[in-house]
Amino acid sequence: MELRHLRHFVVTAEQESIASAARILCMVQPALTRSIQTLEESVGAQLFVRHARGVKLTAAGRQCYQDATRLLQEAAQMRNNAVRASEGALGNLHLAISPQHAWLPLICRMLGQFRDEHPLVTLMLDMLQSGGQLDGILRGDLDAGFMFMRPRRNPSLAGLLVHEEHLVLAVPENSPYAKSPPKRLSELSGEPYIGTPKASSLHFNDFVEDEYRRLNFQPRIVQMGSNFLVMLGLVAAGMGIAVVPGVSRFMHPRGIVFHEVPDLDSRLELELVWRSNDDSPVLARFLDVARRTCAEDGVGERDWARHREGATTSA
């Protein structure tokens, strides 16, 4: 049994005439008759009875017509789905984002625009810190992620700059530093400090430790937070101070005061990161939307290049 046999049978059933069906199918009548006989042999039942004006479905033929119509529709849908999937208009996209950046207007617009343009793509979004995102992308569990500190020397990763910010100091509101912020970060050496495990964000931690050495800041770690929101909860509970991305000022528990410390001025780049050899059509469509959205806001790959050139020149 082949799909062409089913198409021949359905057209014949609808025309109730071998001759009319043959004309529609651009076939000679003997060939159409043989096709229907082949289908009857496959089914094991007679599908038509002949009469003076044409053919009429038997009881088996009526059931076969219902099933054949459904199968042909499903086959057509299968072909359409395959074409859409090859073009990236149908499929799955698995992304991740750090919890504190999920609300950023640019990213919200990016996701909304993608949904509007590609409603048949199933979008999954996980909340993960940069370390977990990096592992997921390299394993192939994630298609892309919005993260800090993409390893620049890893050629298997590519990135698009979507947001820049500075580090800020978070202190409990009853701390003496709430009203009298330090002029240098080194003034806080020895203060109870909330840190993050290296496993949660290895490259970010390396960056922060380099900054601390540059600024001669020696933190006294008393507690670890698995992500920035947990760290802020510990700060609000009065357990210590923390240095967190500036975006934290817009999503945090009560009881925290934030300060920009003058010498803590290095930039953080939040990038959309993906595997450079990933040929997923769905990912390609999302990257197109991402680049357009970033271009509208004046950020993206070119801005990252200019920032790096400026940093090299000033150094």
Protein backbone atom coordinates (compact mmCIF):
# COMPACT_ATOMS: atom_id res chain seq x y z
CA MET A 1 0.00 0.00 0.00
CA GLU A 2 1.38 3.40 -1.01
CA LEU A 3 0.12 6.94 -0.59
CA ARG A 4 -0.51 7.17 -4.33
CA HIS A 5 -2.91 4.24 -4.08
CA LEU A 6 -4.81 6.08 -1.35
CA ARG A 7 -4.95 9.29 -3.43
CA HIS A 8 -6.25 7.37 -6.44
CA PHE A 9 -8.87 5.66 -4.28
CA VAL A 10 -10.06 8.91 -2.60
CA VAL A 11 -10.46 10.77 -5.91
CA THR A 12 -12.34 7.82 -7.40
CA ALA A 13 -14.62 7.60 -4.36
CA GLU A 14 -15.39 11.31 -4.56
CA GLN A 15 -16.03 11.23 -8.33
CA GLU A 16 -17.91 7.91 -8.19
CA SER A 17 -16.45 7.29 -11.64
CA ILE A 18 -13.25 5.64 -12.86
CA ALA A 19 -13.30 7.75 -16.03
CA SER A 20 -13.75 11.08 -14.20
CA ALA A 21 -11.11 10.21 -11.61
CA ALA A 22 -8.64 9.20 -14.32
CA ARG A 23 -9.07 12.57 -16.05
CA ILE A 24 -8.48 14.47 -12.76
CA LEU A 25 -5.44 12.33 -11.94
CA CYS A 26 -4.10 12.55 -15.50
CA MET A 27 -4.05 8.74 -15.75
CA VAL A 28 -5.37 6.20 -18.19
CA GLN A 29 -8.30 4.21 -16.88
CA PRO A 30 -6.55 0.79 -16.89
CA ALA A 31 -3.72 2.18 -14.73
CA LEU A 32 -6.19 3.65 -12.25
CA THR A 33 -8.13 0.38 -12.16
CA ARG A 34 -4.90 -1.55 -11.40
CA SER A 35 -4.04 0.93 -8.61
CA ILE A 36 -7.43 0.42 -6.96
CA GLN A 37 -7.13 -3.36 -7.31
CA THR A 38 -3.69 -3.21 -5.65
CA LEU A 39 -5.20 -1.27 -2.74
CA GLU A 40 -8.07 -3.78 -2.47
CA GLU A 41 -5.55 -6.62 -2.33
CA SER A 42 -3.60 -4.80 0.42
CA VAL A 43 -6.76 -4.13 2.42
CA GLY A 44 -8.19 -7.58 1.81
CA ALA A 45 -11.66 -6.34 0.92
CA GLN A 46 -13.62 -5.05 -2.09
CA LEU A 47 -13.89 -1.26 -1.96
CA PHE A 48 -16.15 -0.51 -4.93
CA VAL A 49 -19.07 -2.11 -6.70
CA ARG A 50 -19.61 -1.17 -10.34
CA HIS A 51 -22.96 -0.04 -11.74
CA ALA A 52 -24.14 1.47 -15.01
CA ARG A 53 -23.24 5.07 -14.06
CA GLY A 54 -19.91 4.40 -12.36
CA VAL A 55 -18.79 2.96 -9.02
CA LYS A 56 -20.13 3.00 -5.48
CA LEU A 57 -18.33 2.43 -2.18
CA THR A 58 -18.93 -0.79 -0.29
CA ALA A 59 -19.14 -0.81 3.52
CA ALA A 60 -15.41 -1.54 3.60
CA GLY A 61 -14.88 1.23 1.06
CA ARG A 62 -16.70 3.80 3.17
CA GLN A 63 -14.50 3.01 6.18
CA CYS A 64 -11.41 2.97 4.00
CA TYR A 65 -12.37 6.38 2.57
CA GLN A 66 -12.52 7.92 6.07
CA ASP A 67 -9.16 6.43 7.06
CA ALA A 68 -7.48 7.23 3.73
CA THR A 69 -8.62 10.86 3.88
CA ARG A 70 -7.18 11.20 7.37
CA LEU A 71 -3.89 9.54 6.39
CA LEU A 72 -3.48 11.79 3.36
CA GLN A 73 -4.13 14.85 5.50
CA GLU A 74 -1.57 13.67 8.04
CA ALA A 75 0.95 12.99 5.29
CA ALA A 76 0.45 16.51 3.91
CA GLN A 77 0.84 17.94 7.41
CA MET A 78 4.00 15.90 7.89
CA ARG A 79 5.47 17.37 4.71
CA ASN A 80 4.50 20.89 5.75
CA ASN A 81 5.98 20.40 9.22
CA ALA A 82 9.22 19.09 7.78
CA VAL A 83 9.54 22.14 5.51
CA ARG A 84 8.73 24.52 8.37
CA ALA A 85 11.24 22.78 10.64
CA SER A 86 13.96 23.02 7.98
CA GLU A 87 13.26 26.76 7.73
CA GLY A 88 13.21 27.28 11.51
CA ALA A 89 9.52 28.18 11.65
CA LEU A 90 8.64 25.06 13.66
CA GLY A 91 10.53 23.32 16.45
CA ASN A 92 11.91 23.89 19.94
CA LEU A 93 14.22 26.56 21.33
CA HIS A 94 15.76 26.05 24.79
CA LEU A 95 17.25 29.20 26.34
CA ALA A 96 18.50 30.18 29.79
CA ILE A 97 18.90 33.50 31.55
CA SER A 98 20.25 34.63 34.90
CA PRO A 99 17.35 35.37 37.30
CA GLN A 100 18.19 39.03 37.79
CA HIS A 101 18.14 39.76 34.06
CA ALA A 102 14.85 38.10 33.13
CA TRP A 103 12.99 41.40 33.35
CA LEU A 104 15.37 43.53 31.21
CA PRO A 105 13.23 45.44 28.67
CA LEU A 106 15.49 44.61 25.72
CA ILE A 107 15.36 40.87 26.44
CA CYS A 108 11.60 40.99 27.03
CA ARG A 109 11.16 42.71 23.66
CA MET A 110 13.46 40.19 22.02
CA LEU A 111 11.49 37.21 23.34
CA GLY A 112 8.15 38.87 22.55
CA GLN A 113 9.22 39.69 19.00
CA PHE A 114 10.37 36.13 18.44
CA ARG A 115 7.06 34.78 19.72
CA ASP A 116 5.12 37.13 17.42
CA GLU A 117 7.15 36.15 14.37
CA HIS A 118 7.42 32.41 15.11
CA PRO A 119 4.28 31.29 16.99
CA LEU A 120 4.82 27.60 16.12
CA VAL A 121 8.19 27.39 17.89
CA THR A 122 8.04 26.06 21.46
CA LEU A 123 10.19 28.37 23.59
CA MET A 124 11.61 27.06 26.89
CA LEU A 125 13.37 29.47 29.26
CA ASP A 126 15.37 28.30 32.30
CA MET A 127 16.70 30.48 35.12
CA LEU A 128 20.40 29.67 35.55
CA GLN A 129 23.54 31.47 36.61
CA SER A 130 26.29 31.85 34.02
CA GLY A 131 28.20 28.73 35.11
CA GLY A 132 25.18 26.48 34.71
CA GLN A 133 24.33 28.09 31.38
CA LEU A 134 27.83 27.55 30.05
CA ASP A 135 27.75 23.86 30.98
CA GLY A 136 24.33 23.43 29.37
CA ILE A 137 25.35 25.14 26.14
CA LEU A 138 28.57 23.13 25.79
CA ARG A 139 26.70 19.86 26.49
CA GLY A 140 24.04 20.75 23.94
CA ASP A 141 21.23 20.82 26.52
CA LEU A 142 20.71 24.54 25.87
CA ASP A 143 20.57 26.27 22.51
CA ALA A 144 21.71 29.62 23.92
CA GLY A 145 21.85 31.64 27.13
CA PHE A 146 22.06 35.20 28.40
CA MET A 147 25.18 35.17 30.55
CA PHE A 148 28.18 37.02 31.93
CA MET A 149 31.79 36.21 31.10
CA ARG A 150 31.80 34.08 27.97
CA PRO A 151 35.23 32.36 27.78
CA ARG A 152 36.85 34.47 25.06
CA ARG A 153 39.46 31.87 24.11
CA ASN A 154 36.91 29.13 23.44
CA PRO A 155 36.30 29.11 19.65
CA SER A 156 33.29 26.84 20.04
CA LEU A 157 31.28 29.72 21.55
CA ALA A 158 29.91 32.87 19.92
CA GLY A 159 28.22 35.83 21.58
CA LEU A 160 26.10 38.92 21.04
CA LEU A 161 26.34 41.80 23.50
CA VAL A 162 22.90 42.72 24.86
CA HIS A 163 23.57 44.72 28.04
CA GLU A 164 26.35 46.45 29.99
CA GLU A 165 26.51 47.37 33.66
CA HIS A 166 28.85 47.94 36.62
CA LEU A 167 29.31 46.12 39.90
CA VAL A 168 27.69 47.74 42.94
CA LEU A 169 28.04 47.31 46.68
CA ALA A 170 25.04 45.93 48.61
CA VAL A 171 24.91 46.55 52.39
CA PRO A 172 22.24 45.97 55.03
CA GLU A 173 20.16 49.09 55.68
CA ASN A 174 21.22 49.09 59.36
CA SER A 175 24.92 48.94 58.43
CA PRO A 176 27.05 52.06 59.10
CA TYR A 177 27.97 51.89 55.40
CA ALA A 178 24.33 52.44 54.43
CA LYS A 179 24.64 56.18 55.12
CA SER A 180 28.43 56.51 54.85
CA PRO A 181 29.53 54.54 51.79
CA PRO A 182 33.22 53.82 51.31
CA LYS A 183 35.24 55.85 48.83
CA ARG A 184 37.38 52.81 48.05
CA LEU A 185 36.48 49.15 48.14
CA SER A 186 39.62 48.37 50.15
CA GLU A 187 38.03 50.16 53.14
CA LEU A 188 35.73 47.13 53.48
CA SER A 189 38.53 44.57 53.87
CA GLY A 190 37.74 42.30 56.81
CA GLU A 191 33.99 43.04 56.76
CA PRO A 192 31.64 40.01 56.70
CA TYR A 193 31.20 39.23 53.02
CA ILE A 194 28.66 37.14 51.06
CA GLY A 195 30.30 35.27 48.17
CA THR A 196 29.29 32.82 45.44
CA PRO A 197 30.63 29.28 44.88
CA LYS A 198 32.97 29.05 41.90
CA ALA A 199 30.87 26.28 40.41
CA SER A 200 27.88 28.59 39.95
CA SER A 201 29.77 31.19 37.93
CA LEU A 202 33.43 30.31 37.47
CA HIS A 203 34.43 33.01 35.00
CA PHE A 204 32.48 35.72 36.81
CA ASN A 205 34.18 34.78 40.08
CA ASP A 206 37.58 34.91 38.39
CA PHE A 207 36.76 38.38 37.09
CA VAL A 208 35.63 39.59 40.53
CA GLU A 209 38.72 38.15 42.24
CA ASP A 210 40.95 39.95 39.73
CA GLU A 211 39.10 43.16 40.53
CA TYR A 212 39.57 42.63 44.26
CA ARG A 213 43.31 42.12 43.81
CA ARG A 214 43.49 45.24 41.66
CA LEU A 215 41.68 47.26 44.32
CA ASN A 216 43.51 45.66 47.27
CA PHE A 217 40.22 44.43 48.73
CA GLN A 218 40.43 41.37 50.99
CA PRO A 219 36.93 40.05 51.70
CA ARG A 220 36.19 37.94 54.79
CA ILE A 221 33.75 35.39 53.43
CA VAL A 222 31.20 34.31 56.05
CA GLN A 223 28.47 32.89 53.79
CA MET A 224 27.96 31.64 50.22
CA GLY A 225 24.93 32.33 48.05
CA SER A 226 24.18 30.09 45.05
CA ASN A 227 23.06 33.09 42.99
CA PHE A 228 22.75 36.86 43.28
CA LEU A 229 19.17 36.75 44.57
CA VAL A 230 20.22 34.41 47.39
CA MET A 231 23.17 36.67 48.16
CA LEU A 232 20.86 39.68 48.38
CA GLY A 233 18.57 37.78 50.73
CA LEU A 234 21.53 37.15 53.02
CA VAL A 235 22.52 40.82 52.87
CA ALA A 236 18.95 41.85 53.75
CA ALA A 237 19.14 39.48 56.74
CA GLY A 238 22.16 41.43 57.98
CA MET A 239 24.66 38.62 57.49
CA GLY A 240 27.19 40.66 55.52
CA ILE A 241 27.91 42.81 52.48
CA ALA A 242 28.08 41.71 48.84
CA VAL A 243 29.27 42.96 45.48
CA VAL A 244 26.67 42.26 42.80
CA PRO A 245 25.77 43.37 39.25
CA GLY A 246 24.15 46.80 39.06
CA VAL A 247 20.90 45.34 37.74
CA SER A 248 20.31 43.98 41.26
CA ARG A 249 19.20 47.46 42.35
CA PHE A 250 15.95 46.95 40.48
CA MET A 251 15.00 43.53 41.88
CA HIS A 252 15.88 42.75 45.48
CA PRO A 253 14.34 42.19 48.93
CA ARG A 254 13.76 45.04 51.34
CA GLY A 255 16.43 46.08 53.79
CA ILE A 256 19.29 46.69 51.34
CA VAL A 257 21.13 49.85 50.33
CA PHE A 258 23.19 49.95 47.16
CA HIS A 259 26.24 52.11 46.47
CA GLU A 260 28.46 52.68 43.48
CA VAL A 261 32.03 52.58 44.77
CA PRO A 262 34.18 54.99 42.67
CA ASP A 263 37.07 52.62 42.05
CA LEU A 264 34.81 49.62 41.32
CA ASP A 265 34.28 50.80 37.75
CA SER A 266 34.90 47.84 35.43
CA ARG A 267 32.12 46.98 33.02
CA LEU A 268 30.19 43.73 32.92
CA GLU A 269 28.96 42.50 29.55
CA LEU A 270 25.81 40.39 29.40
CA GLU A 271 25.85 38.39 26.18
CA LEU A 272 23.58 36.03 24.34
CA VAL A 273 25.90 33.02 23.93
CA TRP A 274 25.55 29.96 21.67
CA ARG A 275 27.68 27.23 20.10
CA SER A 276 29.40 28.70 17.06
CA ASN A 277 28.90 25.50 15.01
CA ASP A 278 25.21 25.10 15.85
CA ASP A 279 23.29 24.92 12.56
CA SER A 280 19.80 24.82 14.08
CA PRO A 281 17.37 26.74 11.81
CA VAL A 282 15.29 27.73 14.86
CA LEU A 283 18.36 29.16 16.61
CA ALA A 284 19.29 31.03 13.41
CA ARG A 285 15.87 32.67 13.41
CA PHE A 286 16.19 33.65 17.05
CA LEU A 287 19.64 35.14 16.45
CA ASP A 288 18.21 37.19 13.61
CA VAL A 289 15.55 38.60 15.95
CA ALA A 290 18.16 39.16 18.67
CA ARG A 291 20.47 41.10 16.35
CA ARG A 292 17.62 43.26 15.07
CA THR A 293 16.44 44.01 18.61
CA CYS A 294 19.95 44.87 19.78
CA ALA A 295 20.55 47.05 16.72
CA GLU A 296 17.42 49.03 17.55
CA ASP A 297 18.90 49.70 21.01
CA GLY A 298 22.38 50.41 19.66
CA VAL A 299 24.09 47.35 21.18
CA GLY A 300 25.49 44.17 19.69
CA GLU A 301 28.63 42.63 18.31
CA ARG A 302 30.04 45.87 16.90
CA ASP A 303 29.62 47.65 20.22
CA TRP A 304 31.56 44.87 21.93
CA ALA A 305 34.36 45.31 19.39
CA ARG A 306 34.47 49.08 19.97
CA HIS A 307 34.47 48.58 23.73
CA ARG A 308 37.41 46.16 23.52
CA GLU A 309 39.33 48.51 21.23
CA GLY A 310 38.72 51.39 23.65
CA ALA A 311 39.82 49.31 26.63
CA THR A 312 43.01 48.30 24.82
CA THR A 313 43.77 51.87 23.84
CA SER A 314 43.22 53.25 27.34
CA ALA A 315 45.36 50.50 28.84
